[in-house]
Amino acid sequence: MDMWRAWYAGDPNHLAAVYGGVAAYTRNSVAREFFQVDQRRATNSELRMFWGQDPSPGQQAAKLHVPIASDIAETSANLLWADVPQVTVDLDSVTDKGTAKSTQAQIGRYLDDRGHAKMREAAELAAGLSNVYLRVVWDKTLRPRPWTDVLQPESVVPTWRWGALAEAIVWRELAPLQDGGEVWRLLEHHTPGTIEYGLYKGRVGVLGELMGLADHPDTEYLVKRVNAKGQQATGIDRLLITHLPNVLPNRVWDGVPGTAPLGRSDYSGVEPVMDALDETWTSWMRDLRLGKAQILLPQSMLDSDGPGTGGTYDLDREVRVSLNMLDEGGKDTITQVQFKIRVEEHELTAKALRRQILSSAGYSAQSFGEEGTVAQTATEVAARKEESLTTRGTKILYQRPALLEHLTVMMMVDVRHCGAKGVDPAAELTASWPQAVQPDPEATARTLQFLDSAGAISTYMKVKMRSPELDDTEVWAEVQRIREDKQSAIPAGDPFNAGGGEEPDDEDDADSDGTEAGSDEGQDETEEEEGGGSRGLAAA
């Protein structure tokens, strides 16, 4: 996770520290145990990385980093949470429709702008760091409803049971009270129905002794919430923490105990290629530095500043006296040095590495603007983004159950501690994500026109295809409005629609067409008018 965080953050100092060799990890006891279990990583492969190499003696450190890792995590979050998924209540799981409606309205409040932003934050962190945790918190002095708190994966010590999160210890460091190397840590042991707090004073790498919650100003507020054992009852039989993996399985941690349920980062296995991209970019910038024009002058051409003080050369001086020299036929020689800047070679290499990184991470180059911004239809965009959309669909498989479990716990806390009315925490929820690529309105209109001309579609289905986000009630309301608009569009006093909106008789069209058909039909009409006026009146 530390390696992935270094790539996600894009900090060159962190990358240099991470790839400084195995010794950089084995100084930590927990990491040392990890390397002892997984001997494949206890090698010197990291030393061959570009970021693991020390700069040459006498040369400044000029390594550059291309933040493609952070771009991948950001794009992943945007694909998943650009829009809020629609969470609905199963009507069969609630007592009445009124409760279902109020429950769904409350869920919409959980996923307001704050909740939406938090879930997007969690998705971005999970893409980079392999997993995150969602914690339900509440404080009625701050907000009337509970809300989501995103926990970093390193700050939680999980306990798994059959692959599910059974218990969790959340820890964080507090501000030191004095200078002396002491480290204060607050631990929260979460179990179903209970949170047990522990304040410890130790040092780096050592938890230390258990202190009272009143011994630190940042934990004094907990004294009123806990009992004599430092426990707080949550009032619900669920964990307040939900685990959200990115995708599974994790190929790197295969066989490492306790890591199977943890997710897999989008960077897993792509680190060497990202390292090569940074090396290519650094080499390109090095060519630019070396490509600056330089001139070489003989010592005799310098203007002396006096004995022992060296000499100078004024580049802006226009008139100079020819020097009597033996070299090059007695002429002054000024040599220009300018190395070639290999722009095309570096650009092609960087593009190839970038495409490989995106493909290995599961994304299409189109998602990152690699193919330009020419206007295209929704079908063409979906075809070019097929790899990204496939990855999006895979991640939704892990996002959906975590989201629904988190919302269920939030409803329980809302009813128990925030006094929510008309909310049924036992309601079963479903979530559907909106389409990543919206259909082209023009293409949809043409399809509807063809189906309507063929008489193969009803008004209800036309509205449904036009606006798939509408529910049945909204669709029928739109159908009724369309029918009313058609009725109001009929001219008043039209004799052919006096019967309530029926289509006009074809006889009128036939008469008008007959007049234009030819002289024979016109002669027949003249005879009928002369010989049988009553017949024409009856027809009228």
Protein backbone atom coordinates (compact mmCIF):
# COMPACT_ATOMS: atom_id res chain seq x y z
CA MET A 1 0.00 0.00 0.00
CA ASP A 2 2.92 2.33 0.67
CA MET A 3 4.19 1.77 -2.87
CA TRP A 4 0.77 2.47 -4.33
CA ARG A 5 0.35 5.55 -2.16
CA ALA A 6 3.68 6.88 -3.44
CA TRP A 7 2.46 6.54 -7.03
CA TYR A 8 -0.97 7.94 -6.19
CA ALA A 9 0.48 10.97 -4.38
CA GLY A 10 3.15 11.53 -7.04
CA ASP A 11 5.72 12.72 -4.50
CA PRO A 12 9.24 12.18 -5.93
CA ASN A 13 10.75 11.99 -2.44
CA HIS A 14 8.25 9.31 -1.43
CA LEU A 15 8.93 7.34 -4.63
CA ALA A 16 12.68 7.53 -4.03
CA ALA A 17 12.20 6.32 -0.45
CA VAL A 18 9.87 3.49 -1.47
CA TYR A 19 12.22 2.14 -4.14
CA GLY A 20 15.36 2.65 -2.09
CA GLY A 21 15.66 -1.12 -1.69
CA VAL A 22 14.34 -3.80 0.60
CA ALA A 23 16.19 -2.26 3.56
CA ALA A 24 13.78 0.67 3.45
CA TYR A 25 11.00 -1.74 4.45
CA THR A 26 12.75 -4.18 6.74
CA ARG A 27 13.41 -1.41 9.27
CA ASN A 28 9.73 -1.78 10.19
CA SER A 29 8.88 -4.96 12.10
CA VAL A 30 5.48 -5.44 10.44
CA ALA A 31 6.94 -4.94 6.96
CA ARG A 32 9.83 -7.27 7.82
CA GLU A 33 7.33 -10.01 8.71
CA PHE A 34 5.58 -9.36 5.40
CA PHE A 35 8.80 -9.83 3.44
CA GLN A 36 9.59 -13.00 5.38
CA VAL A 37 6.23 -14.46 4.37
CA ASP A 38 6.33 -13.35 0.76
CA GLN A 39 9.88 -14.10 -0.34
CA ARG A 40 9.16 -13.07 -3.93
CA ARG A 41 9.30 -9.42 -2.92
CA ALA A 42 12.39 -9.83 -0.73
CA THR A 43 14.65 -9.37 -3.75
CA ASN A 44 16.64 -6.53 -5.19
CA SER A 45 14.22 -5.95 -8.08
CA GLU A 46 13.33 -2.56 -6.63
CA LEU A 47 16.97 -1.48 -6.98
CA ARG A 48 16.69 -1.81 -10.74
CA MET A 49 13.85 0.70 -10.81
CA PHE A 50 14.56 4.19 -12.08
CA TRP A 51 13.33 5.70 -8.81
CA GLY A 52 15.59 3.35 -6.83
CA GLN A 53 18.80 4.64 -8.39
CA ASP A 54 20.86 7.26 -6.61
CA PRO A 55 21.98 10.28 -8.68
CA SER A 56 25.50 10.17 -10.07
CA PRO A 57 28.18 11.85 -7.90
CA GLY A 58 28.45 15.53 -8.67
CA GLN A 59 25.16 15.58 -10.59
CA GLN A 60 21.99 17.18 -9.33
CA ALA A 61 18.86 15.10 -8.82
CA ALA A 62 16.65 15.96 -11.79
CA LYS A 63 14.16 13.09 -11.91
CA LEU A 64 10.69 14.04 -13.12
CA HIS A 65 7.39 12.31 -12.44
CA VAL A 66 4.42 11.98 -14.82
CA PRO A 67 1.27 11.89 -12.63
CA ILE A 68 -0.49 9.22 -14.68
CA ALA A 69 -1.24 7.18 -11.54
CA SER A 70 -3.30 9.96 -10.01
CA ASP A 71 -5.02 10.48 -13.38
CA ILE A 72 -6.04 6.81 -13.41
CA ALA A 73 -7.54 7.01 -9.92
CA GLU A 74 -9.38 10.22 -10.74
CA THR A 75 -10.78 8.82 -13.98
CA SER A 76 -11.93 5.67 -12.19
CA ALA A 77 -13.84 7.74 -9.63
CA ASN A 78 -15.40 9.89 -12.36
CA LEU A 79 -16.57 6.84 -14.29
CA LEU A 80 -18.26 5.46 -11.18
CA TRP A 81 -19.55 8.55 -9.41
CA ALA A 82 -19.94 11.30 -11.99
CA ASP A 83 -23.68 10.86 -11.34
CA VAL A 84 -25.48 9.53 -8.29
CA PRO A 85 -26.81 5.96 -8.72
CA GLN A 86 -30.53 5.48 -8.23
CA VAL A 87 -31.25 3.67 -4.96
CA THR A 88 -34.78 2.28 -4.68
CA VAL A 89 -36.70 0.47 -1.95
CA ASP A 90 -38.16 -2.96 -2.64
CA LEU A 91 -41.90 -2.53 -2.04
CA ASP A 92 -42.27 -6.15 -0.93
CA SER A 93 -39.87 -5.57 1.99
CA VAL A 94 -41.81 -2.73 3.67
CA THR A 95 -45.15 -2.56 5.42
CA ASP A 96 -46.81 0.03 3.19
CA LYS A 97 -46.09 2.26 0.21
CA GLY A 98 -46.00 5.39 2.39
CA THR A 99 -43.09 4.00 4.39
CA ALA A 100 -41.31 2.98 1.22
CA LYS A 101 -41.68 6.48 -0.18
CA SER A 102 -40.41 8.21 2.99
CA THR A 103 -37.54 5.72 3.30
CA GLN A 104 -36.43 6.34 -0.25
CA ALA A 105 -36.67 10.11 0.28
CA GLN A 106 -34.39 9.82 3.32
CA ILE A 107 -31.88 7.77 1.34
CA GLY A 108 -31.83 10.57 -1.23
CA ARG A 109 -30.84 12.94 1.57
CA TYR A 110 -27.95 10.66 2.54
CA LEU A 111 -26.70 10.88 -1.06
CA ASP A 112 -26.90 14.65 -1.31
CA ASP A 113 -23.93 16.65 -2.53
CA ARG A 114 -21.94 15.86 0.64
CA GLY A 115 -22.70 12.15 0.47
CA HIS A 116 -22.07 12.05 -3.27
CA ALA A 117 -18.68 13.74 -2.84
CA LYS A 118 -17.70 11.33 -0.07
CA MET A 119 -18.51 8.27 -2.14
CA ARG A 120 -16.53 9.68 -5.06
CA GLU A 121 -13.61 10.30 -2.69
CA ALA A 122 -13.81 6.71 -1.48
CA ALA A 123 -13.84 5.40 -5.07
CA GLU A 124 -10.72 7.40 -5.99
CA LEU A 125 -8.80 6.22 -2.92
CA ALA A 126 -9.85 2.62 -3.52
CA ALA A 127 -8.62 2.75 -7.12
CA GLY A 128 -5.19 3.87 -5.98
CA LEU A 129 -4.77 2.11 -2.61
CA SER A 130 -6.78 -1.09 -3.34
CA ASN A 131 -9.50 -0.54 -0.69
CA VAL A 132 -11.07 1.88 1.79
CA TYR A 133 -13.53 1.74 4.69
CA LEU A 134 -16.82 3.62 5.07
CA ARG A 135 -17.78 4.60 8.63
CA VAL A 136 -21.15 5.94 9.74
CA VAL A 137 -20.79 8.87 12.15
CA TRP A 138 -23.34 11.19 13.75
CA ASP A 139 -23.34 14.36 15.83
CA LYS A 140 -26.64 16.19 16.11
CA THR A 141 -24.85 19.38 17.14
CA LEU A 142 -23.27 19.45 13.66
CA ARG A 143 -25.84 17.84 11.34
CA PRO A 144 -29.37 16.50 11.82
CA ARG A 145 -28.60 13.23 10.02
CA PRO A 146 -25.70 10.74 10.11
CA TRP A 147 -23.08 11.01 7.38
CA THR A 148 -20.21 9.10 5.78
CA ASP A 149 -16.61 9.17 6.95
CA VAL A 150 -13.97 7.67 4.63
CA LEU A 151 -11.16 5.79 6.39
CA GLN A 152 -7.76 5.21 4.79
CA PRO A 153 -6.88 1.50 4.45
CA GLU A 154 -3.72 1.85 6.58
CA SER A 155 -5.69 3.25 9.50
CA VAL A 156 -7.83 0.12 9.99
CA VAL A 157 -6.75 -3.26 11.37
CA PRO A 158 -9.46 -5.64 10.10
CA THR A 159 -10.60 -9.01 11.43
CA TRP A 160 -12.08 -11.21 8.74
CA ARG A 161 -14.56 -14.05 9.16
CA TRP A 162 -15.39 -16.06 6.03
CA GLY A 163 -14.12 -13.17 3.95
CA ALA A 164 -16.42 -10.63 5.62
CA LEU A 165 -15.42 -7.85 7.99
CA ALA A 166 -16.26 -9.06 11.53
CA GLU A 167 -14.32 -6.56 13.67
CA ALA A 168 -12.12 -3.54 13.05
CA ILE A 169 -9.65 -1.44 15.01
CA VAL A 170 -9.42 2.15 13.79
CA TRP A 171 -6.35 4.05 14.98
CA ARG A 172 -4.99 7.55 14.54
CA GLU A 173 -2.19 9.63 16.00
CA LEU A 174 -3.02 12.66 18.13
CA ALA A 175 -1.10 15.88 18.62
CA PRO A 176 1.84 15.50 21.03
CA LEU A 177 1.50 17.23 24.38
CA GLN A 178 5.20 17.90 24.82
CA ASP A 179 8.47 17.64 22.93
CA GLY A 180 10.18 14.42 23.85
CA GLY A 181 9.38 11.87 21.19
CA GLU A 182 6.14 10.66 22.75
CA VAL A 183 3.33 9.57 20.45
CA TRP A 184 -0.35 9.57 21.47
CA ARG A 185 -2.70 7.19 19.67
CA LEU A 186 -6.45 6.69 19.90
CA LEU A 187 -7.76 3.21 19.09
CA GLU A 188 -11.41 2.36 18.40
CA HIS A 189 -12.32 -1.31 18.54
CA HIS A 190 -15.54 -1.75 16.55
CA THR A 191 -17.71 -4.81 17.13
CA PRO A 192 -21.45 -5.24 16.37
CA GLY A 193 -23.24 -3.06 18.91
CA THR A 194 -20.15 -1.70 20.71
CA ILE A 195 -17.21 0.65 20.28
CA GLU A 196 -14.37 0.35 22.78
CA TYR A 197 -11.93 3.28 23.01
CA GLY A 198 -8.33 3.17 24.16
CA LEU A 199 -5.87 6.06 24.51
CA TYR A 200 -2.20 5.04 24.45
CA LYS A 201 0.99 6.98 25.04
CA GLY A 202 4.06 5.45 23.45
CA ARG A 203 6.71 6.26 20.89
CA VAL A 204 7.45 5.55 17.25
CA GLY A 205 6.81 1.88 16.59
CA VAL A 206 5.61 1.21 20.17
CA LEU A 207 1.96 1.45 21.23
CA GLY A 208 2.85 2.20 24.86
CA GLU A 209 0.73 2.29 28.00
CA LEU A 210 -3.03 2.72 28.30
CA MET A 211 -4.05 6.16 29.51
CA GLY A 212 -7.36 7.71 30.55
CA LEU A 213 -9.47 9.41 27.91
CA ALA A 214 -9.37 12.61 29.95
CA ASP A 215 -5.55 12.73 29.72
CA HIS A 216 -5.60 14.23 26.22
CA PRO A 217 -7.68 17.24 25.14
CA ASP A 218 -8.63 15.59 21.83
CA THR A 219 -10.39 12.70 23.63
CA GLU A 220 -12.04 14.49 26.56
CA TYR A 221 -15.40 14.54 24.77
CA LEU A 222 -15.46 10.71 24.87
CA VAL A 223 -15.52 10.57 28.68
CA LYS A 224 -19.28 11.26 28.77
CA ARG A 225 -20.02 8.69 26.07
CA VAL A 226 -18.33 5.59 27.49
CA ASN A 227 -18.86 3.40 30.53
CA ALA A 228 -16.27 2.38 33.10
CA LYS A 229 -14.67 -0.03 30.60
CA GLY A 230 -14.32 2.62 27.91
CA GLN A 231 -17.16 1.16 25.86
CA GLN A 232 -19.93 2.93 23.98
CA ALA A 233 -23.10 1.10 22.92
CA THR A 234 -24.15 1.87 19.35
CA GLY A 235 -27.67 0.51 19.77
CA ILE A 236 -27.58 -1.47 16.51
CA ASP A 237 -26.45 -5.02 15.82
CA ARG A 238 -24.23 -4.08 12.87
CA LEU A 239 -20.71 -2.79 12.45
CA LEU A 240 -20.58 0.93 11.79
CA ILE A 241 -17.75 0.26 9.33
CA THR A 242 -18.15 -1.16 5.82
CA HIS A 243 -15.27 -2.44 3.74
CA LEU A 244 -15.08 -1.24 0.12
CA PRO A 245 -12.53 -3.11 -2.06
CA ASN A 246 -11.53 -1.82 -5.47
CA VAL A 247 -11.55 -5.16 -7.33
CA LEU A 248 -10.59 -8.71 -6.39
CA PRO A 249 -8.50 -10.81 -6.24
CA ASN A 250 -5.15 -9.31 -5.36
CA ARG A 251 -2.53 -11.17 -7.38
CA VAL A 252 0.43 -9.64 -5.53
CA TRP A 253 -0.72 -10.74 -2.06
CA ASP A 254 -1.71 -14.27 -3.07
CA GLY A 255 -0.81 -16.55 -0.18
CA VAL A 256 -0.17 -13.77 2.34
CA PRO A 257 -2.36 -14.46 5.42
CA GLY A 258 -5.15 -11.99 6.14
CA THR A 259 -4.95 -10.17 2.81
CA ALA A 260 -7.38 -12.17 0.63
CA PRO A 261 -10.42 -9.87 1.18
CA LEU A 262 -8.39 -6.72 0.51
CA GLY A 263 -8.77 -5.27 -2.95
CA ARG A 264 -6.38 -4.84 -5.84
CA SER A 265 -5.08 -1.45 -6.87
CA ASP A 266 -5.32 -0.26 -10.46
CA TYR A 267 -1.53 0.12 -10.28
CA SER A 268 -0.89 -3.52 -9.36
CA GLY A 269 1.67 -4.89 -11.81
CA VAL A 270 1.90 -1.59 -13.69
CA GLU A 271 4.53 0.01 -11.44
CA PRO A 272 7.56 -0.88 -13.65
CA VAL A 273 5.91 0.62 -16.74
CA MET A 274 5.05 3.83 -14.85
CA ASP A 275 8.68 3.89 -13.68
CA ALA A 276 9.82 3.58 -17.31
CA LEU A 277 7.53 6.46 -18.31
CA ASP A 278 9.14 8.68 -15.67
CA GLU A 279 12.58 7.64 -16.93
CA THR A 280 11.59 8.50 -20.51
CA TRP A 281 10.22 11.88 -19.50
CA THR A 282 13.34 12.65 -17.47
CA SER A 283 15.57 11.68 -20.41
CA TRP A 284 13.55 13.98 -22.69
CA MET A 285 14.01 16.91 -20.34
CA ARG A 286 17.71 16.03 -20.05
CA ASP A 287 18.02 16.34 -23.83
CA LEU A 288 16.50 19.80 -23.57
CA ARG A 289 19.04 20.84 -20.98
CA LEU A 290 21.96 19.43 -22.95
CA GLY A 291 20.59 20.87 -26.18
CA LYS A 292 21.22 24.44 -25.10
CA ALA A 293 23.70 26.10 -27.49
CA GLN A 294 27.21 26.45 -26.09
CA ILE A 295 30.46 27.88 -27.48
CA LEU A 296 34.06 26.77 -26.95
CA LEU A 297 36.70 29.51 -26.93
CA PRO A 298 40.50 29.22 -26.93
CA GLN A 299 42.27 30.63 -23.91
CA SER A 300 43.96 33.27 -26.04
CA MET A 301 40.59 34.90 -26.89
CA LEU A 302 39.74 35.76 -23.30
CA ASP A 303 40.24 39.27 -21.98
CA SER A 304 42.64 39.05 -19.08
CA ASP A 305 41.49 40.52 -15.78
CA GLY A 306 45.01 40.61 -14.44
CA PRO A 307 47.59 38.10 -13.27
CA GLY A 308 45.96 35.27 -11.34
CA THR A 309 42.40 36.55 -11.82
CA GLY A 310 41.41 34.62 -14.96
CA GLY A 311 39.76 36.08 -18.01
CA THR A 312 36.39 36.97 -19.49
CA TYR A 313 34.76 37.18 -22.88
CA ASP A 314 32.16 39.80 -23.82
CA LEU A 315 29.62 38.23 -26.18
CA ASP A 316 28.08 41.61 -27.02
CA ARG A 317 31.31 43.24 -28.16
CA GLU A 318 31.10 44.03 -31.90
CA VAL A 319 34.67 45.04 -32.84
CA ARG A 320 37.66 42.91 -31.96
CA VAL A 321 41.35 42.98 -32.96
CA SER A 322 42.56 39.96 -34.86
CA LEU A 323 44.87 37.77 -32.83
CA ASN A 324 48.20 36.43 -34.15
CA MET A 325 47.82 32.71 -33.54
CA LEU A 326 49.55 29.65 -34.87
CA ASP A 327 46.51 27.37 -34.75
CA GLU A 328 44.13 27.06 -37.69
CA GLY A 329 46.21 29.23 -40.02
CA GLY A 330 46.43 32.08 -37.49
CA LYS A 331 42.65 32.65 -37.35
CA ASP A 332 40.52 32.84 -34.27
CA THR A 333 38.40 29.69 -33.79
CA ILE A 334 35.06 29.67 -31.98
CA THR A 335 33.39 26.26 -31.83
CA GLN A 336 29.63 25.91 -31.37
CA VAL A 337 28.34 22.86 -29.48
CA GLN A 338 24.62 21.96 -29.57
CA PHE A 339 23.40 18.39 -29.01
CA LYS A 340 20.41 16.99 -30.85
CA ILE A 341 17.09 16.98 -29.00
CA ARG A 342 15.47 13.60 -29.75
CA VAL A 343 11.88 14.83 -29.69
CA GLU A 344 10.30 12.22 -31.96
CA GLU A 345 11.99 9.24 -30.30
CA HIS A 346 11.02 10.34 -26.80
CA GLU A 347 7.46 11.24 -27.81
CA LEU A 348 6.81 7.88 -29.48
CA THR A 349 8.27 6.02 -26.51
CA ALA A 350 6.22 8.02 -24.01
CA LYS A 351 2.99 7.45 -26.00
CA ALA A 352 3.63 3.71 -26.22
CA LEU A 353 4.33 3.47 -22.49
CA ARG A 354 1.25 5.54 -21.68
CA ARG A 355 -0.99 3.33 -23.80
CA GLN A 356 0.45 0.22 -22.17
CA ILE A 357 -0.11 1.63 -18.67
CA LEU A 358 -3.74 2.51 -19.40
CA SER A 359 -4.42 -0.86 -21.02
CA SER A 360 -2.85 -2.81 -18.15
CA ALA A 361 -4.84 -0.76 -15.65
CA GLY A 362 -8.04 -1.59 -17.54
CA TYR A 363 -8.81 1.70 -19.29
CA SER A 364 -9.14 2.89 -22.87
CA ALA A 365 -6.95 5.67 -24.20
CA GLN A 366 -10.13 7.50 -25.27
CA SER A 367 -11.04 8.00 -21.60
CA PHE A 368 -7.87 10.07 -21.21
CA GLY A 369 -8.27 12.14 -24.39
CA GLU A 370 -5.70 10.18 -26.38
CA GLU A 371 -7.84 10.06 -29.54
CA GLY A 372 -8.84 13.69 -29.78
CA THR A 373 -12.15 15.41 -29.08
CA VAL A 374 -13.94 15.10 -32.45
CA ALA A 375 -17.72 14.91 -32.10
CA GLN A 376 -18.94 11.31 -32.26
CA THR A 377 -22.10 9.36 -31.73
CA ALA A 378 -22.76 7.53 -28.49
CA THR A 379 -22.14 4.18 -30.22
CA GLU A 380 -18.72 5.30 -31.46
CA VAL A 381 -17.77 6.67 -28.05
CA ALA A 382 -18.86 3.45 -26.33
CA ALA A 383 -16.84 1.38 -28.82
CA ARG A 384 -13.69 3.40 -28.16
CA LYS A 385 -14.25 3.33 -24.41
CA GLU A 386 -15.19 -0.35 -24.28
CA GLU A 387 -12.26 -1.31 -22.04
CA SER A 388 -13.00 1.50 -19.58
CA LEU A 389 -16.71 0.65 -19.51
CA THR A 390 -15.90 -3.00 -18.83
CA THR A 391 -13.70 -1.99 -15.91
CA ARG A 392 -16.46 0.31 -14.68
CA GLY A 393 -18.96 -2.55 -14.75
CA THR A 394 -16.57 -4.77 -12.79
CA LYS A 395 -16.05 -2.14 -10.11
CA ILE A 396 -19.80 -1.60 -9.76
CA LEU A 397 -20.03 -5.25 -8.66
CA TYR A 398 -18.01 -4.28 -5.56
CA GLN A 399 -19.38 -0.76 -5.14
CA ARG A 400 -23.07 -1.77 -5.07
CA PRO A 401 -23.11 -4.20 -2.09
CA ALA A 402 -20.84 -1.91 -0.04
CA LEU A 403 -23.07 1.10 -0.79
CA LEU A 404 -26.30 -0.72 0.11
CA GLU A 405 -24.83 -2.11 3.35
CA HIS A 406 -23.52 1.32 4.29
CA LEU A 407 -26.90 2.95 3.63
CA THR A 408 -28.69 0.29 5.70
CA VAL A 409 -26.42 0.96 8.68
CA MET A 410 -26.96 4.68 8.20
CA MET A 411 -30.73 4.21 8.37
CA MET A 412 -30.36 2.23 11.60
CA VAL A 413 -28.26 4.98 13.17
CA ASP A 414 -30.67 7.63 11.90
CA VAL A 415 -33.67 5.93 13.53
CA ARG A 416 -31.84 5.04 16.74
CA HIS A 417 -29.89 8.24 17.44
CA CYS A 418 -31.25 11.01 15.18
CA GLY A 419 -34.99 10.37 15.54
CA ALA A 420 -35.80 9.72 11.88
CA LYS A 421 -39.51 9.14 11.26
CA GLY A 422 -41.05 6.97 8.57
CA VAL A 423 -37.75 5.19 7.84
CA ASP A 424 -37.67 1.39 7.76
CA PRO A 425 -34.08 0.11 8.21
CA ALA A 426 -35.26 -3.41 7.36
CA ALA A 427 -36.17 -2.36 3.83
CA GLU A 428 -34.28 -4.12 1.07
CA LEU A 429 -32.49 -1.75 -1.27
CA THR A 430 -31.38 -1.94 -4.87
CA ALA A 431 -29.04 0.41 -6.72
CA SER A 432 -28.64 1.04 -10.44
CA TRP A 433 -25.89 3.13 -11.98
CA PRO A 434 -26.70 5.53 -14.83
CA GLN A 435 -25.30 4.89 -18.28
CA ALA A 436 -21.71 6.03 -18.63
CA VAL A 437 -22.27 7.11 -22.24
CA GLN A 438 -25.58 8.83 -22.86
CA PRO A 439 -27.31 7.92 -26.14
CA ASP A 440 -27.28 10.44 -28.97
CA PRO A 441 -30.65 12.29 -28.96
CA GLU A 442 -30.65 12.54 -32.75
CA ALA A 443 -30.10 8.78 -33.18
CA THR A 444 -32.83 8.05 -30.63
CA ALA A 445 -35.24 10.37 -32.47
CA ARG A 446 -34.56 8.62 -35.79
CA THR A 447 -35.14 5.21 -34.23
CA LEU A 448 -38.43 6.32 -32.71
CA GLN A 449 -39.52 7.82 -36.03
CA PHE A 450 -38.82 4.55 -37.90
CA LEU A 451 -40.67 2.48 -35.29
CA ASP A 452 -43.60 4.88 -35.31
CA SER A 453 -43.81 4.80 -39.13
CA ALA A 454 -43.88 1.02 -39.01
CA GLY A 455 -46.62 1.08 -36.37
CA ALA A 456 -44.42 -1.03 -34.09
CA ILE A 457 -44.29 1.14 -30.95
CA SER A 458 -46.75 2.73 -28.56
CA THR A 459 -46.64 6.22 -27.08
CA TYR A 460 -45.73 4.71 -23.72
CA MET A 461 -42.65 2.94 -25.12
CA LYS A 462 -41.65 6.04 -27.09
CA VAL A 463 -41.54 8.07 -23.87
CA LYS A 464 -39.73 5.21 -22.11
CA MET A 465 -37.04 5.07 -24.79
CA ARG A 466 -36.68 8.84 -24.84
CA SER A 467 -36.37 9.17 -21.03
CA PRO A 468 -35.38 5.82 -19.46
CA GLU A 469 -34.80 7.50 -16.09
CA LEU A 470 -38.56 8.09 -15.59
CA ASP A 471 -40.61 5.63 -13.54
CA ASP A 472 -43.96 4.23 -14.67
CA THR A 473 -46.01 6.98 -13.03
CA GLU A 474 -43.97 9.72 -14.66
CA VAL A 475 -44.12 7.97 -18.04
CA TRP A 476 -47.92 7.68 -17.95
CA ALA A 477 -48.18 11.34 -16.94
CA GLU A 478 -46.04 12.28 -19.96
CA VAL A 479 -48.21 10.10 -22.23
CA GLN A 480 -51.32 11.90 -20.98
CA ARG A 481 -49.72 15.29 -21.63
CA ILE A 482 -48.83 14.23 -25.18
CA ARG A 483 -52.43 13.16 -25.84
CA GLU A 484 -53.76 16.41 -24.43
CA ASP A 485 -51.39 18.41 -26.63
CA LYS A 486 -52.63 16.53 -29.70
CA GLN A 487 -56.24 17.24 -28.75
CA SER A 488 -55.57 20.93 -28.24
CA ALA A 489 -53.80 21.12 -31.61
CA ILE A 490 -57.06 20.28 -33.53
CA PRO A 491 -58.63 23.48 -35.02
CA ALA A 492 -61.96 24.49 -33.49
CA GLY A 493 -65.02 23.93 -35.69
CA ASP A 494 -63.35 21.38 -37.94
CA PRO A 495 -66.29 19.27 -39.24
CA PHE A 496 -64.12 16.22 -39.75
CA ASN A 497 -63.19 16.06 -36.03
CA ALA A 498 -66.52 16.91 -34.49
CA GLY A 499 -66.78 13.38 -33.17
CA GLY A 500 -64.01 13.81 -30.58
CA GLY A 501 -60.67 13.85 -32.29
CA GLU A 502 -61.08 11.18 -35.03
CA GLU A 503 -58.90 11.38 -38.07
CA PRO A 504 -60.41 13.23 -41.11
CA ASP A 505 -62.17 11.18 -43.77
CA ASP A 506 -60.16 10.15 -46.76
CA GLU A 507 -63.05 11.29 -49.07
CA ASP A 508 -61.88 14.87 -48.94
CA ASP A 509 -58.40 13.85 -50.05
CA ALA A 510 -59.90 11.70 -52.77
CA ASP A 511 -62.01 14.65 -54.06
CA SER A 512 -59.07 16.95 -54.17
CA ASP A 513 -56.91 14.35 -55.84
CA GLY A 514 -59.68 13.63 -58.35
CA THR A 515 -59.77 17.23 -59.47
CA GLU A 516 -56.11 17.06 -60.36
CA ALA A 517 -56.19 13.56 -61.88
CA GLY A 518 -57.30 14.38 -65.41
CA SER A 519 -60.02 15.64 -67.75
CA ASP A 520 -62.08 12.44 -67.68
CA GLU A 521 -62.65 12.49 -63.91
CA GLY A 522 -63.41 16.20 -64.05
CA GLN A 523 -66.07 15.56 -66.75
CA ASP A 524 -67.76 12.93 -64.53
CA GLU A 525 -67.99 15.34 -61.63
CA THR A 526 -69.60 17.97 -63.92
CA GLU A 527 -72.24 15.51 -65.07
CA GLU A 528 -73.06 14.52 -61.49
CA GLU A 529 -73.54 18.16 -60.49
CA GLU A 530 -75.84 18.80 -63.47
CA GLY A 531 -77.93 15.65 -63.23
CA GLY A 532 -78.24 14.96 -59.51
CA GLY A 533 -78.03 17.87 -57.16
CA SER A 534 -79.83 15.92 -54.43
CA ARG A 535 -77.14 13.24 -54.63
CA GLY A 536 -74.42 15.83 -54.05
CA LEU A 537 -76.41 17.32 -51.15
CA ALA A 538 -76.80 13.94 -49.53
CA ALA A 539 -73.10 13.32 -49.82
CA ALA A 540 -72.39 16.66 -48.21
